PDB file of all heavy atoms in Angstrom:
ATOM      1  N   PRO A   1       0.807  -1.224   0.000  1.00  0.00           N
ATOM      2  CA  PRO A   1       0.000   0.000   0.000  1.00  0.00           C
ATOM      3  C   PRO A   1       0.836   1.269   0.000  1.00  0.00           C
ATOM      4  O   PRO A   1       0.482   2.259  -0.640  1.00  0.00           O
ATOM      5  CB  PRO A   1      -0.821  -0.123   1.292  1.00  0.00           C
ATOM      6  CG  PRO A   1      -0.864  -1.583   1.590  1.00  0.00           C
ATOM      7  CD  PRO A   1       0.473  -2.097   1.127  1.00  0.00           C
ATOM      8  N   ASN A   2       1.970   1.243   0.722  1.00  0.00           N
ATOM      9  CA  ASN A   2       2.835   2.422   0.768  1.00  0.00           C
ATOM     10  C   ASN A   2       3.421   2.736  -0.597  1.00  0.00           C
ATOM     11  O   ASN A   2       3.511   3.895  -1.008  1.00  0.00           O
ATOM     12  CB  ASN A   2       3.967   2.214   1.778  1.00  0.00           C
ATOM     13  CG  ASN A   2       3.466   2.173   3.207  1.00  0.00           C
ATOM     14  OD1 ASN A   2       2.431   2.768   3.506  1.00  0.00           O
ATOM     15  ND2 ASN A   2       4.164   1.465   4.069  1.00  0.00           N
ATOM     16  N   VAL A   3       3.825   1.679  -1.315  1.00  0.00           N
ATOM     17  CA  VAL A   3       4.385   1.866  -2.652  1.00  0.00           C
ATOM     18  C   VAL A   3       3.321   2.413  -3.595  1.00  0.00           C
ATOM     19  O   VAL A   3       3.572   3.327  -4.390  1.00  0.00           O
ATOM     20  CB  VAL A   3       4.959   0.537  -3.196  1.00  0.00           C
ATOM     21  CG1 VAL A   3       5.353   0.689  -4.664  1.00  0.00           C
ATOM     22  CG2 VAL A   3       6.159   0.100  -2.379  1.00  0.00           C
ATOM     23  N   LEU A   4       2.089   1.860  -3.506  1.00  0.00           N
ATOM     24  CA  LEU A   4       1.002   2.317  -4.365  1.00  0.00           C
ATOM     25  C   LEU A   4       0.651   3.773  -4.074  1.00  0.00           C
ATOM     26  O   LEU A   4       0.420   4.556  -4.997  1.00  0.00           O
ATOM     27  CB  LEU A   4      -0.232   1.430  -4.166  1.00  0.00           C
ATOM     28  CG  LEU A   4      -0.121  -0.015  -4.681  1.00  0.00           C
ATOM     29  CD1 LEU A   4      -1.369  -0.803  -4.330  1.00  0.00           C
ATOM     30  CD2 LEU A   4       0.118  -0.047  -6.186  1.00  0.00           C
ATOM     31  N   CYS A   5       0.612   4.129  -2.790  1.00  0.00           N
ATOM     32  CA  CYS A   5       0.310   5.525  -2.423  1.00  0.00           C
ATOM     33  C   CYS A   5       1.379   6.464  -2.953  1.00  0.00           C
ATOM     34  O   CYS A   5       1.081   7.558  -3.432  1.00  0.00           O
ATOM     35  CB  CYS A   5       0.204   5.650  -0.904  1.00  0.00           C
ATOM     36  SG  CYS A   5      -1.282   4.901  -0.221  1.00  0.00           S
ATOM     37  N   ARG A   6       2.636   6.035  -2.872  1.00  0.00           N
ATOM     38  CA  ARG A   6       3.728   6.872  -3.361  1.00  0.00           C
ATOM     39  C   ARG A   6       3.632   7.052  -4.869  1.00  0.00           C
ATOM     40  O   ARG A   6       3.803   8.153  -5.393  1.00  0.00           O
ATOM     41  CB  ARG A   6       5.073   6.250  -2.983  1.00  0.00           C
ATOM     42  CG  ARG A   6       6.282   7.085  -3.387  1.00  0.00           C
ATOM     43  CD  ARG A   6       7.555   6.504  -2.802  1.00  0.00           C
ATOM     44  NE  ARG A   6       8.716   7.289  -3.203  1.00  0.00           N
ATOM     45  CZ  ARG A   6       9.394   7.103  -4.333  1.00  0.00           C
ATOM     46  NH1 ARG A   6       9.013   6.143  -5.173  1.00  0.00           N
ATOM     47  NH2 ARG A   6      10.437   7.855  -4.633  1.00  0.00           N
ATOM     48  N   LYS A   7       3.318   5.969  -5.588  1.00  0.00           N
ATOM     49  CA  LYS A   7       3.171   6.049  -7.046  1.00  0.00           C
ATOM     50  C   LYS A   7       2.004   6.962  -7.425  1.00  0.00           C
ATOM     51  O   LYS A   7       2.101   7.732  -8.384  1.00  0.00           O
ATOM     52  CB  LYS A   7       2.968   4.647  -7.635  1.00  0.00           C
ATOM     53  CG  LYS A   7       4.212   3.784  -7.620  1.00  0.00           C
ATOM     54  CD  LYS A   7       3.953   2.442  -8.269  1.00  0.00           C
ATOM     55  CE  LYS A   7       5.224   1.595  -8.304  1.00  0.00           C
ATOM     56  NZ  LYS A   7       4.977   0.263  -8.935  1.00  0.00           N
ATOM     57  N   ASN A   8       0.915   6.861  -6.660  1.00  0.00           N
ATOM     58  CA  ASN A   8      -0.243   7.714  -6.934  1.00  0.00           C
ATOM     59  C   ASN A   8       0.089   9.184  -6.711  1.00  0.00           C
ATOM     60  O   ASN A   8      -0.335  10.048  -7.478  1.00  0.00           O
ATOM     61  CB  ASN A   8      -1.425   7.306  -6.054  1.00  0.00           C
ATOM     62  CG  ASN A   8      -2.017   5.964  -6.465  1.00  0.00           C
ATOM     63  OD1 ASN A   8      -1.811   5.505  -7.580  1.00  0.00           O
ATOM     64  ND2 ASN A   8      -2.748   5.341  -5.553  1.00  0.00           N
ATOM     65  N   ARG A   9       0.853   9.473  -5.650  1.00  0.00           N
ATOM     66  CA  ARG A   9       1.249  10.855  -5.371  1.00  0.00           C
ATOM     67  C   ARG A   9       2.147  11.397  -6.476  1.00  0.00           C
ATOM     68  O   ARG A   9       2.001  12.550  -6.903  1.00  0.00           O
ATOM     69  CB  ARG A   9       1.969  10.956  -4.022  1.00  0.00           C
ATOM     70  CG  ARG A   9       1.062  10.799  -2.808  1.00  0.00           C
ATOM     71  CD  ARG A   9       1.741  11.313  -1.555  1.00  0.00           C
ATOM     72  NE  ARG A   9       2.985  10.607  -1.279  1.00  0.00           N
ATOM     73  CZ  ARG A   9       3.082   9.515  -0.538  1.00  0.00           C
ATOM     74  NH1 ARG A   9       1.992   8.983   0.009  1.00  0.00           N
ATOM     75  NH2 ARG A   9       4.250   8.946  -0.324  1.00  0.00           N
ATOM     76  N   ILE A  10       3.073  10.560  -6.942  1.00  0.00           N
ATOM     77  CA  ILE A  10       3.979  10.985  -8.017  1.00  0.00           C
ATOM     78  C   ILE A  10       3.187  11.253  -9.293  1.00  0.00           C
ATOM     79  O   ILE A  10       3.390  12.267  -9.973  1.00  0.00           O
ATOM     80  CB  ILE A  10       5.064   9.917  -8.264  1.00  0.00           C
ATOM     81  CG1 ILE A  10       5.995   9.822  -7.050  1.00  0.00           C
ATOM     82  CG2 ILE A  10       5.873  10.258  -9.516  1.00  0.00           C
ATOM     83  CD1 ILE A  10       6.997   8.687  -7.143  1.00  0.00           C
ATOM     84  N   LEU A  11       2.263  10.325  -9.613  1.00  0.00           N
ATOM     85  CA  LEU A  11       1.443  10.491 -10.815  1.00  0.00           C
ATOM     86  C   LEU A  11       0.577  11.752 -10.711  1.00  0.00           C
ATOM     87  O   LEU A  11       0.467  12.517 -11.683  1.00  0.00           O
ATOM     88  CB  LEU A  11       0.553   9.259 -11.011  1.00  0.00           C
ATOM     89  CG  LEU A  11      -0.412   9.296 -12.207  1.00  0.00           C
ATOM     90  CD1 LEU A  11       0.362   9.456 -13.520  1.00  0.00           C
ATOM     91  CD2 LEU A  11      -1.276   8.034 -12.243  1.00  0.00           C
ATOM     92  N   LEU A  12      -0.007  11.972  -9.534  1.00  0.00           N
ATOM     93  CA  LEU A  12      -0.826  13.164  -9.336  1.00  0.00           C
ATOM     94  C   LEU A  12      -0.001  14.432  -9.524  1.00  0.00           C
ATOM     95  O   LEU A  12      -0.434  15.368 -10.213  1.00  0.00           O
ATOM     96  CB  LEU A  12      -1.441  13.147  -7.927  1.00  0.00           C
ATOM     97  CG  LEU A  12      -2.274  14.370  -7.525  1.00  0.00           C
ATOM     98  CD1 LEU A  12      -3.452  14.552  -8.464  1.00  0.00           C
ATOM     99  CD2 LEU A  12      -2.751  14.237  -6.089  1.00  0.00           C
ATOM    100  N   GLY A  13       1.204  14.443  -8.962  1.00  0.00           N
ATOM    101  CA  GLY A  13       2.076  15.611  -9.104  1.00  0.00           C
ATOM    102  C   GLY A  13       2.458  15.883 -10.546  1.00  0.00           C
ATOM    103  O   GLY A  13       2.456  17.035 -10.996  1.00  0.00           O
ATOM    104  N   GLU A  14       2.761  14.819 -11.281  1.00  0.00           N
ATOM    105  CA  GLU A  14       3.148  14.985 -12.690  1.00  0.00           C
ATOM    106  C   GLU A  14       1.978  15.461 -13.544  1.00  0.00           C
ATOM    107  O   GLU A  14       2.147  16.302 -14.434  1.00  0.00           O
ATOM    108  CB  GLU A  14       3.681  13.650 -13.240  1.00  0.00           C
ATOM    109  CG  GLU A  14       5.018  13.232 -12.666  1.00  0.00           C
ATOM    110  CD  GLU A  14       6.110  14.249 -12.952  1.00  0.00           C
ATOM    111  OE1 GLU A  14       6.156  14.775 -14.082  1.00  0.00           O
ATOM    112  OE2 GLU A  14       6.908  14.532 -12.040  1.00  0.00           O
ATOM    113  N   LEU A  15       0.789  14.939 -13.256  1.00  0.00           N
ATOM    114  CA  LEU A  15      -0.388  15.372 -14.021  1.00  0.00           C
ATOM    115  C   LEU A  15      -0.737  16.831 -13.735  1.00  0.00           C
ATOM    116  O   LEU A  15      -1.126  17.567 -14.641  1.00  0.00           O
ATOM    117  CB  LEU A  15      -1.588  14.477 -13.678  1.00  0.00           C
ATOM    118  CG  LEU A  15      -1.582  13.063 -14.264  1.00  0.00           C
ATOM    119  CD1 LEU A  15      -2.798  12.273 -13.792  1.00  0.00           C
ATOM    120  CD2 LEU A  15      -1.544  13.102 -15.785  1.00  0.00           C
ATOM    121  N   VAL A  16      -0.585  17.246 -12.477  1.00  0.00           N
ATOM    122  CA  VAL A  16      -0.846  18.648 -12.127  1.00  0.00           C
ATOM    123  C   VAL A  16       0.110  19.573 -12.875  1.00  0.00           C
ATOM    124  O   VAL A  16      -0.305  20.588 -13.455  1.00  0.00           O
ATOM    125  CB  VAL A  16      -0.715  18.870 -10.606  1.00  0.00           C
ATOM    126  CG1 VAL A  16      -0.753  20.364 -10.275  1.00  0.00           C
ATOM    127  CG2 VAL A  16      -1.830  18.146  -9.868  1.00  0.00           C
ATOM    128  N   LYS A  17       1.394  19.217 -12.878  1.00  0.00           N
ATOM    129  CA  LYS A  17       2.389  20.046 -13.580  1.00  0.00           C
ATOM    130  C   LYS A  17       2.119  20.072 -15.079  1.00  0.00           C
ATOM    131  O   LYS A  17       2.221  21.124 -15.726  1.00  0.00           O
ATOM    132  CB  LYS A  17       3.801  19.519 -13.304  1.00  0.00           C
ATOM    133  CG  LYS A  17       4.288  19.796 -11.894  1.00  0.00           C
ATOM    134  CD  LYS A  17       5.749  19.449 -11.719  1.00  0.00           C
ATOM    135  CE  LYS A  17       5.967  17.955 -11.703  1.00  0.00           C
ATOM    136  NZ  LYS A  17       7.388  17.592 -11.391  1.00  0.00           N
ATOM    137  N   THR A  18       1.760  18.910 -15.631  1.00  0.00           N
ATOM    138  CA  THR A  18       1.481  18.841 -17.071  1.00  0.00           C
ATOM    139  C   THR A  18       0.254  19.667 -17.441  1.00  0.00           C
ATOM    140  O   THR A  18       0.264  20.430 -18.416  1.00  0.00           O
ATOM    141  CB  THR A  18       1.262  17.380 -17.503  1.00  0.00           C
ATOM    142  OG1 THR A  18       2.430  16.614 -17.181  1.00  0.00           O
ATOM    143  CG2 THR A  18       1.004  17.295 -18.992  1.00  0.00           C
ATOM    144  N   ASP A  19      -0.828  19.528 -16.647  1.00  0.00           N
ATOM    145  CA  ASP A  19      -2.056  20.283 -16.928  1.00  0.00           C
ATOM    146  C   ASP A  19      -1.813  21.785 -16.839  1.00  0.00           C
ATOM    147  O   ASP A  19      -2.327  22.555 -17.659  1.00  0.00           O
ATOM    148  CB  ASP A  19      -3.160  19.883 -15.938  1.00  0.00           C
ATOM    149  CG  ASP A  19      -3.758  18.523 -16.260  1.00  0.00           C
ATOM    150  OD1 ASP A  19      -3.530  18.044 -17.381  1.00  0.00           O
ATOM    151  OD2 ASP A  19      -4.445  17.947 -15.392  1.00  0.00           O
ATOM    152  N   PHE A  20      -1.030  22.206 -15.852  1.00  0.00           N
ATOM    153  CA  PHE A  20      -0.775  23.640 -15.685  1.00  0.00           C
ATOM    154  C   PHE A  20       0.050  24.188 -16.849  1.00  0.00           C
ATOM    155  O   PHE A  20      -0.208  25.291 -17.334  1.00  0.00           O
ATOM    156  CB  PHE A  20      -0.040  23.885 -14.364  1.00  0.00           C
ATOM    157  CG  PHE A  20       0.052  25.346 -13.992  1.00  0.00           C
ATOM    158  CD1 PHE A  20      -1.053  26.016 -13.502  1.00  0.00           C
ATOM    159  CD2 PHE A  20       1.237  26.045 -14.150  1.00  0.00           C
ATOM    160  CE1 PHE A  20      -0.988  27.362 -13.162  1.00  0.00           C
ATOM    161  CE2 PHE A  20       1.313  27.389 -13.819  1.00  0.00           C
ATOM    162  CZ  PHE A  20       0.199  28.051 -13.329  1.00  0.00           C
ATOM    163  N   LYS A  21       1.034  23.412 -17.314  1.00  0.00           N
ATOM    164  CA  LYS A  21       1.862  23.851 -18.442  1.00  0.00           C
ATOM    165  C   LYS A  21       1.046  23.902 -19.735  1.00  0.00           C
ATOM    166  O   LYS A  21       1.149  24.849 -20.512  1.00  0.00           O
ATOM    167  CB  LYS A  21       3.055  22.914 -18.612  1.00  0.00           C
ATOM    168  CG  LYS A  21       4.093  23.025 -17.504  1.00  0.00           C
ATOM    169  CD  LYS A  21       5.218  22.022 -17.715  1.00  0.00           C
ATOM    170  CE  LYS A  21       6.253  22.107 -16.600  1.00  0.00           C
ATOM    171  NZ  LYS A  21       7.331  21.091 -16.778  1.00  0.00           N
ATOM    172  N   LEU A  22       0.238  22.841 -19.971  1.00  0.00           N
ATOM    173  CA  LEU A  22      -0.561  22.791 -21.198  1.00  0.00           C
ATOM    174  C   LEU A  22      -1.613  23.876 -21.234  1.00  0.00           C
ATOM    175  O   LEU A  22      -1.993  24.346 -22.313  1.00  0.00           O
ATOM    176  CB  LEU A  22      -1.231  21.415 -21.327  1.00  0.00           C
ATOM    177  CG  LEU A  22      -0.314  20.233 -21.624  1.00  0.00           C
ATOM    178  CD1 LEU A  22      -1.110  18.936 -21.626  1.00  0.00           C
ATOM    179  CD2 LEU A  22       0.404  20.418 -22.958  1.00  0.00           C
ATOM    180  N   ARG A  23      -2.074  24.290 -20.060  1.00  0.00           N
ATOM    181  CA  ARG A  23      -3.135  25.309 -19.988  1.00  0.00           C
ATOM    182  C   ARG A  23      -2.698  26.602 -20.662  1.00  0.00           C
ATOM    183  O   ARG A  23      -3.491  27.279 -21.309  1.00  0.00           O
ATOM    184  CB  ARG A  23      -3.467  25.558 -18.519  1.00  0.00           C
ATOM    185  CG  ARG A  23      -4.564  26.592 -18.297  1.00  0.00           C
ATOM    186  CD  ARG A  23      -5.913  25.998 -18.638  1.00  0.00           C
ATOM    187  NE  ARG A  23      -6.953  26.990 -18.529  1.00  0.00           N
ATOM    188  CZ  ARG A  23      -7.594  27.283 -17.410  1.00  0.00           C
ATOM    189  NH1 ARG A  23      -7.291  26.629 -16.305  1.00  0.00           N
ATOM    190  NH2 ARG A  23      -8.526  28.202 -17.400  1.00  0.00           N
ATOM    191  N   TYR A  24      -1.433  26.964 -20.505  1.00  0.00           N
ATOM    192  CA  TYR A  24      -0.951  28.242 -21.022  1.00  0.00           C
ATOM    193  C   TYR A  24       0.094  28.073 -22.125  1.00  0.00           C
ATOM    194  O   TYR A  24       0.776  29.020 -22.477  1.00  0.00           O
ATOM    195  CB  TYR A  24      -0.369  29.068 -19.874  1.00  0.00           C
ATOM    196  CG  TYR A  24      -1.371  29.328 -18.777  1.00  0.00           C
ATOM    197  CD1 TYR A  24      -1.298  28.643 -17.568  1.00  0.00           C
ATOM    198  CD2 TYR A  24      -2.422  30.217 -18.961  1.00  0.00           C
ATOM    199  CE1 TYR A  24      -2.228  28.866 -16.561  1.00  0.00           C
ATOM    200  CE2 TYR A  24      -3.361  30.446 -17.961  1.00  0.00           C
ATOM    201  CZ  TYR A  24      -3.250  29.769 -16.770  1.00  0.00           C
ATOM    202  OH  TYR A  24      -4.176  29.981 -15.782  1.00  0.00           O
ATOM    203  N   GLN A  25       0.204  26.849 -22.657  1.00  0.00           N
ATOM    204  CA  GLN A  25       1.164  26.606 -23.727  1.00  0.00           C
ATOM    205  C   GLN A  25       0.758  27.364 -24.990  1.00  0.00           C
ATOM    206  O   GLN A  25      -0.405  27.348 -25.408  1.00  0.00           O
ATOM    207  CB  GLN A  25       1.250  25.103 -24.024  1.00  0.00           C
ATOM    208  CG  GLN A  25       2.368  24.733 -24.974  1.00  0.00           C
ATOM    209  CD  GLN A  25       2.455  23.225 -25.151  1.00  0.00           C
ATOM    210  OE1 GLN A  25       1.475  22.527 -25.034  1.00  0.00           O
ATOM    211  NE2 GLN A  25       3.640  22.721 -25.420  1.00  0.00           N
ATOM    212  N   GLY A  26       1.698  28.050 -25.587  1.00  0.00           N
ATOM    213  CA  GLY A  26       1.436  28.806 -26.793  1.00  0.00           C
ATOM    214  C   GLY A  26       0.898  30.193 -26.545  1.00  0.00           C
ATOM    215  O   GLY A  26       0.701  30.971 -27.491  1.00  0.00           O
ATOM    216  N   SER A  27       0.655  30.529 -25.280  1.00  0.00           N
ATOM    217  CA  SER A  27       0.153  31.854 -24.937  1.00  0.00           C
ATOM    218  C   SER A  27       1.318  32.820 -24.744  1.00  0.00           C
ATOM    219  O   SER A  27       2.328  32.470 -24.141  1.00  0.00           O
ATOM    220  CB  SER A  27      -0.684  31.796 -23.655  1.00  0.00           C
ATOM    221  OG  SER A  27      -1.018  33.085 -23.222  1.00  0.00           O
ATOM    222  N   VAL A  28       1.172  34.034 -25.259  1.00  0.00           N
ATOM    223  CA  VAL A  28       2.237  35.037 -25.136  1.00  0.00           C
ATOM    224  C   VAL A  28       2.441  35.428 -23.683  1.00  0.00           C
ATOM    225  O   VAL A  28       3.573  35.529 -23.191  1.00  0.00           O
ATOM    226  CB  VAL A  28       1.904  36.286 -25.979  1.00  0.00           C
ATOM    227  CG1 VAL A  28       2.956  37.371 -25.758  1.00  0.00           C
ATOM    228  CG2 VAL A  28       1.804  35.925 -27.451  1.00  0.00           C
ATOM    229  N   LEU A  29       1.349  35.633 -22.960  1.00  0.00           N
ATOM    230  CA  LEU A  29       1.438  36.055 -21.558  1.00  0.00           C
ATOM    231  C   LEU A  29       1.534  34.883 -20.585  1.00  0.00           C
ATOM    232  O   LEU A  29       1.817  35.091 -19.406  1.00  0.00           O
ATOM    233  CB  LEU A  29       0.223  36.914 -21.201  1.00  0.00           C
ATOM    234  CG  LEU A  29       0.103  38.228 -21.974  1.00  0.00           C
ATOM    235  CD1 LEU A  29      -1.174  38.956 -21.576  1.00  0.00           C
ATOM    236  CD2 LEU A  29       1.315  39.113 -21.735  1.00  0.00           C
ATOM    237  N   GLY A  30       1.301  33.671 -21.064  1.00  0.00           N
ATOM    238  CA  GLY A  30       1.462  32.490 -20.228  1.00  0.00           C
ATOM    239  C   GLY A  30       0.565  32.502 -19.000  1.00  0.00           C
ATOM    240  O   GLY A  30      -0.613  32.857 -19.062  1.00  0.00           O
ATOM    241  N   CYS A  31       1.155  32.149 -17.839  1.00  0.00           N
ATOM    242  CA  CYS A  31       0.374  32.033 -16.611  1.00  0.00           C
ATOM    243  C   CYS A  31      -0.101  33.379 -16.079  1.00  0.00           C
ATOM    244  O   CYS A  31      -0.872  33.424 -15.110  1.00  0.00           O
ATOM    245  CB  CYS A  31       1.174  31.294 -15.543  1.00  0.00           C
ATOM    246  SG  CYS A  31       2.700  32.133 -15.028  1.00  0.00           S
ATOM    247  N   MET A  32       0.315  34.473 -16.703  1.00  0.00           N
ATOM    248  CA  MET A  32      -0.203  35.783 -16.310  1.00  0.00           C
ATOM    249  C   MET A  32      -1.712  35.869 -16.512  1.00  0.00           C
ATOM    250  O   MET A  32      -2.397  36.652 -15.856  1.00  0.00           O
ATOM    251  CB  MET A  32       0.477  36.892 -17.115  1.00  0.00           C
ATOM    252  CG  MET A  32       1.894  37.218 -16.660  1.00  0.00           C
ATOM    253  SD  MET A  32       1.905  37.902 -14.989  1.00  0.00           S
ATOM    254  CE  MET A  32       1.027  39.440 -15.253  1.00  0.00           C
TER     255      MET A  32
END
């Protein structure tokens, strides 16, 4: 269970970073 929880946390973190980057990808002002 500890390994699965750790993998889930890592996956969640990577998806959050990916979604945030894709949200403003190609935008001149970006996250502004």
